[in-house]
Amino acid sequence: MQASAACRHVTPQLCFVQYHALTSGCVARRGYQQQPAWSTGSTAVQQRQRPQLNTHPQASAPRKRAETLITQAAAAAGSPPSDSVEDGSSWFTRVVCPLALVLLVCNMDRICLSVAIMPMAQEFGWPATVQGLIQSAFLWGYTATQLLGGHLADKHGGRAVIAAGVAWFSIASLLLPAALSGHVAAAGWTLPAVLLARTCVGLGEGVALPSMSNMVARHVPTAAKSRALGMSFTGFHTGNLVGLVLSPLIVMQFGWKSLFYTFGLLGAPLLAFWLALTPKQAVADDHSPSHPSAAAAAAAGAKSQESVSVWKLLSHPATW
């Protein structure tokens, strides 16, 4: 009965171990022994002698070993597999470091115009109002892709969305000097071309933060998610610092056009680094769907996620 009750809560393999261990322990403890048949005269009479109780101290040793096996098997069945959660160095090097580097380059591309706008305004004779308009164009695109970036990251994964964003804003940064070329100026499209180029930079960078949250949610263990977000945002804000320090030096040495070429060309090795290092599949943590309760929770979460649309989210008062 004890073995049957235990089987309700453990795997079939553990049930077999428990049942075998309990029965083996009972036989060893009680000391049942098979007695040979014997005969009297010419007629063979087969009998089994009454079992004698074995009180030898070593008789309980098999039972103790069996109890140890049961304890170890129960611990193994109740804990997740060892490879279901990436260790500390793995999620740090494969998720957090690439995220921090991507966000660093994002902000370097974002902040470089704040330094380059001064020599550009002197060269093209832009008043303060035009300078402010050009600098605000980045935020037009950046704001437009916040919700879109989150939706795409949930659908396709943060890895793919960030890769597309890096390629997009890098190309847009490289094209900004072309927007100020003589051919564009002769056609009278200088200002619209500059505004379009900076808006495209914002469109590419707007998906970065929503995709970062998606990457941390999918690939970082639950106990380390806050640390991972903090480290990633450290790279984000470091980009402001590095960009404001390097941009004046580059402008002074090579001119304002080289600033956009330099930060735009950084996108190629950054994209290669991102695709080579970041994981393609989500890494399960201590709430892995391999456990029945976690699988039910994941199924319920997926069902609720499918039923919530962007319009329903926008119509909820808590959004505003």
Protein backbone atom coordinates (compact mmCIF):
# COMPACT_ATOMS: atom_id res chain seq x y z
CA MET A 1 0.00 0.00 0.00
CA GLN A 2 2.84 2.39 0.76
CA ALA A 3 4.44 1.72 -2.60
CA SER A 4 1.09 2.28 -4.37
CA ALA A 5 0.51 5.58 -2.60
CA ALA A 6 3.98 6.78 -3.46
CA CYS A 7 3.46 5.99 -7.13
CA ARG A 8 0.78 8.63 -7.44
CA HIS A 9 3.32 11.44 -7.08
CA VAL A 10 6.41 10.17 -8.85
CA THR A 11 7.47 8.93 -12.24
CA PRO A 12 7.12 5.23 -13.25
CA GLN A 13 10.86 4.76 -12.90
CA LEU A 14 10.85 6.11 -9.35
CA CYS A 15 7.75 4.02 -8.55
CA PHE A 16 9.62 0.88 -9.57
CA VAL A 17 12.59 1.84 -7.41
CA GLN A 18 10.34 2.52 -4.42
CA TYR A 19 8.39 -0.71 -4.78
CA HIS A 20 11.47 -2.83 -5.34
CA ALA A 21 13.30 -1.18 -2.46
CA LEU A 22 10.39 -1.53 -0.01
CA THR A 23 9.74 -5.17 -0.83
CA SER A 24 13.44 -6.03 -0.79
CA GLY A 25 13.85 -4.29 2.53
CA CYS A 26 10.91 -6.13 4.05
CA VAL A 27 12.20 -9.52 2.92
CA ALA A 28 15.67 -8.76 4.25
CA ARG A 29 14.32 -7.46 7.58
CA ARG A 30 11.90 -10.30 8.24
CA GLY A 31 14.40 -12.97 7.14
CA TYR A 32 12.17 -15.28 5.06
CA GLN A 33 14.22 -18.20 3.83
CA GLN A 34 13.35 -20.99 1.40
CA GLN A 35 13.85 -24.44 2.96
CA PRO A 36 14.68 -27.50 0.84
CA ALA A 37 12.23 -30.34 0.40
CA TRP A 38 12.69 -33.50 2.48
CA SER A 39 11.34 -37.02 2.30
CA THR A 40 10.41 -39.78 4.82
CA GLY A 41 10.87 -43.35 3.81
CA SER A 42 9.79 -44.15 0.30
CA THR A 43 7.18 -41.35 0.06
CA ALA A 44 8.44 -37.81 -0.67
CA VAL A 45 6.54 -35.15 1.20
CA GLN A 46 7.16 -31.54 0.14
CA GLN A 47 6.83 -29.05 2.93
CA ARG A 48 8.07 -25.57 3.70
CA GLN A 49 9.36 -24.96 7.18
CA ARG A 50 7.85 -22.15 9.15
CA PRO A 51 9.87 -19.00 8.45
CA GLN A 52 12.20 -18.04 11.23
CA LEU A 53 12.75 -14.42 12.21
CA ASN A 54 16.27 -13.27 11.39
CA THR A 55 17.45 -10.79 13.97
CA HIS A 56 20.96 -10.39 12.63
CA PRO A 57 22.07 -6.70 12.74
CA GLN A 58 23.11 -6.76 9.07
CA ALA A 59 19.60 -7.65 7.92
CA SER A 60 18.53 -3.95 7.93
CA ALA A 61 21.43 -2.84 5.71
CA PRO A 62 19.60 -3.52 2.40
CA ARG A 63 16.63 -1.51 3.64
CA LYS A 64 18.83 1.44 4.53
CA ARG A 65 20.43 1.33 1.10
CA ALA A 66 16.99 1.16 -0.46
CA GLU A 67 15.82 4.21 1.51
CA THR A 68 18.90 6.11 0.32
CA LEU A 69 18.06 5.21 -3.29
CA ILE A 70 14.48 6.38 -2.81
CA THR A 71 15.64 9.73 -1.39
CA GLN A 72 18.08 10.31 -4.23
CA ALA A 73 15.54 9.33 -6.88
CA ALA A 74 12.88 11.59 -5.38
CA ALA A 75 15.29 14.53 -5.34
CA ALA A 76 16.20 13.92 -8.97
CA ALA A 77 12.54 13.68 -10.01
CA GLY A 78 11.57 16.86 -8.20
CA SER A 79 14.36 19.03 -9.59
CA PRO A 80 14.67 20.33 -13.17
CA PRO A 81 17.28 18.88 -15.51
CA SER A 82 20.76 20.33 -15.09
CA ASP A 83 20.85 21.70 -18.64
CA SER A 84 17.43 23.40 -18.51
CA VAL A 85 18.89 26.68 -17.22
CA GLU A 86 21.96 28.38 -18.57
CA ASP A 87 24.59 28.98 -15.93
CA GLY A 88 25.65 32.47 -14.89
CA SER A 89 28.51 32.84 -17.35
CA SER A 90 26.42 31.55 -20.24
CA TRP A 91 23.48 33.95 -20.06
CA PHE A 92 25.85 36.81 -19.28
CA THR A 93 28.14 36.23 -22.26
CA ARG A 94 25.49 35.10 -24.75
CA VAL A 95 22.64 37.49 -23.90
CA VAL A 96 23.60 40.40 -21.66
CA CYS A 97 26.94 41.33 -23.23
CA PRO A 98 25.58 41.39 -26.80
CA LEU A 99 22.55 43.37 -25.66
CA ALA A 100 24.70 45.92 -23.84
CA LEU A 101 26.96 46.31 -26.88
CA VAL A 102 24.02 46.76 -29.27
CA LEU A 103 22.43 49.39 -27.03
CA LEU A 104 25.79 51.15 -26.69
CA VAL A 105 26.17 51.50 -30.47
CA CYS A 106 22.50 52.52 -30.76
CA ASN A 107 23.02 55.48 -28.48
CA MET A 108 26.31 56.40 -30.12
CA ASP A 109 24.46 56.68 -33.45
CA ARG A 110 21.72 58.60 -31.73
CA ILE A 111 23.92 61.13 -29.95
CA CYS A 112 26.42 61.84 -32.73
CA LEU A 113 24.13 64.36 -34.46
CA SER A 114 24.11 66.49 -31.30
CA VAL A 115 27.82 67.11 -31.90
CA ALA A 116 27.80 67.17 -35.71
CA ILE A 117 24.89 69.61 -35.93
CA MET A 118 27.13 72.58 -35.07
CA PRO A 119 29.59 72.30 -37.99
CA MET A 120 26.72 71.21 -40.25
CA ALA A 121 24.70 74.32 -39.35
CA GLN A 122 27.69 76.54 -40.08
CA GLU A 123 28.24 74.90 -43.46
CA PHE A 124 24.63 75.00 -44.62
CA GLY A 125 23.46 78.09 -42.76
CA TRP A 126 20.73 76.42 -40.71
CA PRO A 127 19.03 78.57 -38.06
CA ALA A 128 18.27 77.24 -34.59
CA THR A 129 14.73 76.27 -35.59
CA VAL A 130 15.98 74.04 -38.41
CA GLN A 131 18.60 72.51 -36.12
CA GLY A 132 15.93 71.63 -33.58
CA LEU A 133 13.70 70.18 -36.31
CA ILE A 134 16.50 67.95 -37.61
CA GLN A 135 17.38 66.68 -34.16
CA SER A 136 13.74 65.90 -33.38
CA ALA A 137 13.39 63.77 -36.52
CA PHE A 138 15.12 60.88 -34.79
CA LEU A 139 12.34 60.71 -32.20
CA TRP A 140 9.67 60.59 -34.91
CA GLY A 141 10.90 57.19 -35.99
CA TYR A 142 11.96 56.09 -32.51
CA THR A 143 8.46 56.61 -31.13
CA ALA A 144 6.78 54.97 -34.11
CA THR A 145 8.47 51.58 -33.64
CA GLN A 146 8.14 51.10 -29.88
CA LEU A 147 4.86 49.18 -30.03
CA LEU A 148 5.72 47.68 -33.39
CA GLY A 149 9.07 46.47 -32.08
CA GLY A 150 7.44 44.76 -29.12
CA HIS A 151 4.87 43.06 -31.35
CA LEU A 152 7.52 41.85 -33.78
CA ALA A 153 9.76 40.63 -30.95
CA ASP A 154 6.91 38.57 -29.49
CA LYS A 155 6.15 37.10 -32.90
CA HIS A 156 9.63 36.53 -34.33
CA GLY A 157 11.91 36.77 -31.30
CA GLY A 158 14.11 39.61 -30.10
CA ARG A 159 17.19 38.18 -31.79
CA ALA A 160 15.84 38.61 -35.32
CA VAL A 161 14.24 41.99 -34.63
CA ILE A 162 17.41 43.48 -33.15
CA ALA A 163 19.45 42.14 -36.09
CA ALA A 164 17.09 43.85 -38.53
CA GLY A 165 17.16 47.06 -36.47
CA VAL A 166 20.98 47.16 -36.40
CA ALA A 167 21.17 46.72 -40.18
CA TRP A 168 18.50 49.37 -40.70
CA PHE A 169 19.90 52.18 -38.55
CA SER A 170 23.48 51.52 -39.69
CA ILE A 171 22.52 51.95 -43.35
CA ALA A 172 20.48 55.06 -42.48
CA SER A 173 23.49 56.59 -40.70
CA LEU A 174 25.69 55.94 -43.72
CA LEU A 175 23.14 57.60 -46.01
CA LEU A 176 22.87 60.85 -44.04
CA PRO A 177 25.98 62.47 -45.63
CA ALA A 178 24.53 61.55 -49.03
CA ALA A 179 21.40 63.50 -48.11
CA LEU A 180 23.60 66.62 -47.95
CA SER A 181 25.36 66.05 -51.26
CA GLY A 182 25.42 68.59 -54.05
CA HIS A 183 22.96 66.70 -56.23
CA VAL A 184 20.34 66.64 -53.47
CA ALA A 185 20.95 70.33 -52.72
CA ALA A 186 20.56 71.23 -56.39
CA ALA A 187 17.18 69.50 -56.42
CA GLY A 188 16.10 71.40 -53.31
CA TRP A 189 15.61 68.23 -51.24
CA THR A 190 18.33 68.75 -48.64
CA LEU A 191 16.14 69.31 -45.59
CA PRO A 192 13.56 66.59 -46.41
CA ALA A 193 16.36 64.12 -47.17
CA VAL A 194 18.09 64.84 -43.85
CA LEU A 195 14.81 64.52 -41.95
CA LEU A 196 14.08 61.23 -43.70
CA ALA A 197 17.54 59.83 -42.94
CA ARG A 198 17.31 60.71 -39.24
CA THR A 199 13.76 59.33 -39.04
CA CYS A 200 15.01 56.05 -40.50
CA VAL A 201 17.74 55.92 -37.85
CA GLY A 202 15.04 56.29 -35.20
CA LEU A 203 12.91 53.59 -36.83
CA GLY A 204 15.77 51.12 -36.58
CA GLU A 205 16.70 51.96 -33.01
CA GLY A 206 13.12 52.05 -31.71
CA VAL A 207 12.88 48.26 -31.73
CA ALA A 208 15.95 47.81 -29.51
CA LEU A 209 14.45 48.24 -26.03
CA PRO A 210 11.30 46.13 -26.61
CA SER A 211 13.45 43.41 -28.15
CA MET A 212 15.87 43.62 -25.22
CA SER A 213 13.00 42.87 -22.82
CA ASN A 214 11.99 39.93 -25.01
CA MET A 215 15.53 38.53 -25.02
CA VAL A 216 15.86 38.79 -21.24
CA ALA A 217 12.43 37.20 -20.70
CA ARG A 218 13.24 34.26 -22.97
CA HIS A 219 16.88 33.50 -22.25
CA VAL A 220 17.71 34.63 -18.70
CA PRO A 221 16.75 32.64 -15.57
CA THR A 222 14.05 34.15 -13.40
CA ALA A 223 16.35 34.93 -10.49
CA ALA A 224 18.72 36.92 -12.74
CA LYS A 225 16.32 38.91 -14.92
CA SER A 226 16.62 42.17 -12.94
CA ARG A 227 20.40 42.01 -13.01
CA ALA A 228 20.35 41.30 -16.73
CA LEU A 229 18.14 44.33 -17.39
CA GLY A 230 20.38 46.53 -15.25
CA MET A 231 23.50 45.41 -17.08
CA SER A 232 21.86 45.93 -20.47
CA PHE A 233 20.73 49.44 -19.56
CA THR A 234 24.27 50.16 -18.41
CA GLY A 235 25.39 49.62 -21.99
CA PHE A 236 22.52 51.81 -23.19
CA HIS A 237 23.58 54.80 -21.08
CA THR A 238 27.28 54.17 -21.66
CA GLY A 239 26.59 54.80 -25.34
CA ASN A 240 25.68 58.41 -24.49
CA LEU A 241 28.93 58.84 -22.60
CA VAL A 242 31.15 57.21 -25.23
CA GLY A 243 29.40 58.98 -28.09
CA LEU A 244 29.76 62.42 -26.54
CA VAL A 245 33.45 61.80 -25.82
CA LEU A 246 34.42 60.31 -29.19
CA SER A 247 32.26 62.42 -31.50
CA PRO A 248 34.11 65.76 -30.98
CA LEU A 249 37.46 64.02 -31.48
CA ILE A 250 36.35 62.44 -34.75
CA VAL A 251 34.82 65.68 -36.03
CA MET A 252 37.96 67.66 -35.22
CA GLN A 253 40.25 65.17 -36.94
CA PHE A 254 38.24 64.00 -39.95
CA GLY A 255 35.18 66.24 -40.32
CA TRP A 256 31.51 65.76 -39.54
CA LYS A 257 30.83 63.33 -42.40
CA SER A 258 33.32 60.83 -41.01
CA LEU A 259 31.29 60.70 -37.81
CA PHE A 260 28.32 59.13 -39.56
CA TYR A 261 30.53 56.87 -41.66
CA THR A 262 32.36 55.61 -38.56
CA PHE A 263 29.29 54.84 -36.48
CA GLY A 264 27.41 53.49 -39.50
CA LEU A 265 30.20 51.07 -40.41
CA LEU A 266 30.23 49.75 -36.84
CA GLY A 267 26.95 48.06 -37.65
CA ALA A 268 28.57 45.36 -39.83
CA PRO A 269 30.83 43.78 -37.17
CA LEU A 270 28.16 44.39 -34.54
CA LEU A 271 25.59 42.45 -36.58
CA ALA A 272 28.03 39.58 -37.16
CA PHE A 273 28.87 39.47 -33.46
CA TRP A 274 25.18 39.50 -32.52
CA LEU A 275 24.16 36.68 -34.86
CA ALA A 276 27.16 34.52 -33.90
CA LEU A 277 26.76 34.79 -30.13
CA THR A 278 23.10 35.15 -29.22
CA PRO A 279 21.01 31.97 -28.77
CA LYS A 280 18.40 31.10 -31.37
CA GLN A 281 16.07 29.13 -29.11
CA ALA A 282 14.59 30.14 -25.79
CA VAL A 283 16.35 28.67 -22.75
CA ALA A 284 14.04 27.18 -20.14
CA ASP A 285 14.49 28.10 -16.51
CA ASP A 286 13.12 26.71 -13.27
CA HIS A 287 9.63 27.14 -14.71
CA SER A 288 10.39 24.93 -17.68
CA PRO A 289 7.40 23.49 -19.55
CA SER A 290 8.91 20.04 -18.85
CA HIS A 291 7.16 20.19 -15.48
CA PRO A 292 3.40 19.60 -15.60
CA SER A 293 2.42 22.63 -13.53
CA ALA A 294 4.74 24.91 -15.50
CA ALA A 295 3.41 23.51 -18.77
CA ALA A 296 -0.13 24.31 -17.72
CA ALA A 297 0.89 27.83 -16.73
CA ALA A 298 2.73 28.32 -20.01
CA ALA A 299 -0.29 27.10 -21.96
CA ALA A 300 -2.57 29.47 -20.06
CA GLY A 301 -0.15 32.33 -20.63
CA ALA A 302 0.06 31.57 -24.33
CA LYS A 303 -3.73 31.43 -24.57
CA SER A 304 -4.14 34.75 -22.81
CA GLN A 305 -1.36 36.28 -24.93
CA GLU A 306 -3.08 35.24 -28.14
CA SER A 307 -6.36 36.78 -27.04
CA VAL A 308 -4.89 40.24 -26.34
CA SER A 309 -4.51 42.47 -29.37
CA VAL A 310 -2.81 45.84 -29.66
CA TRP A 311 -6.16 47.61 -29.94
CA LYS A 312 -7.44 45.89 -26.80
CA LEU A 313 -4.28 46.93 -24.98
CA LEU A 314 -4.70 50.55 -26.11
CA SER A 315 -8.35 50.59 -25.06
CA HIS A 316 -7.57 49.51 -21.49
CA PRO A 317 -7.44 52.41 -18.97
CA ALA A 318 -4.33 51.01 -17.30
CA THR A 319 -2.35 51.63 -20.51
CA TRP A 320 -2.87 55.35 -20.13
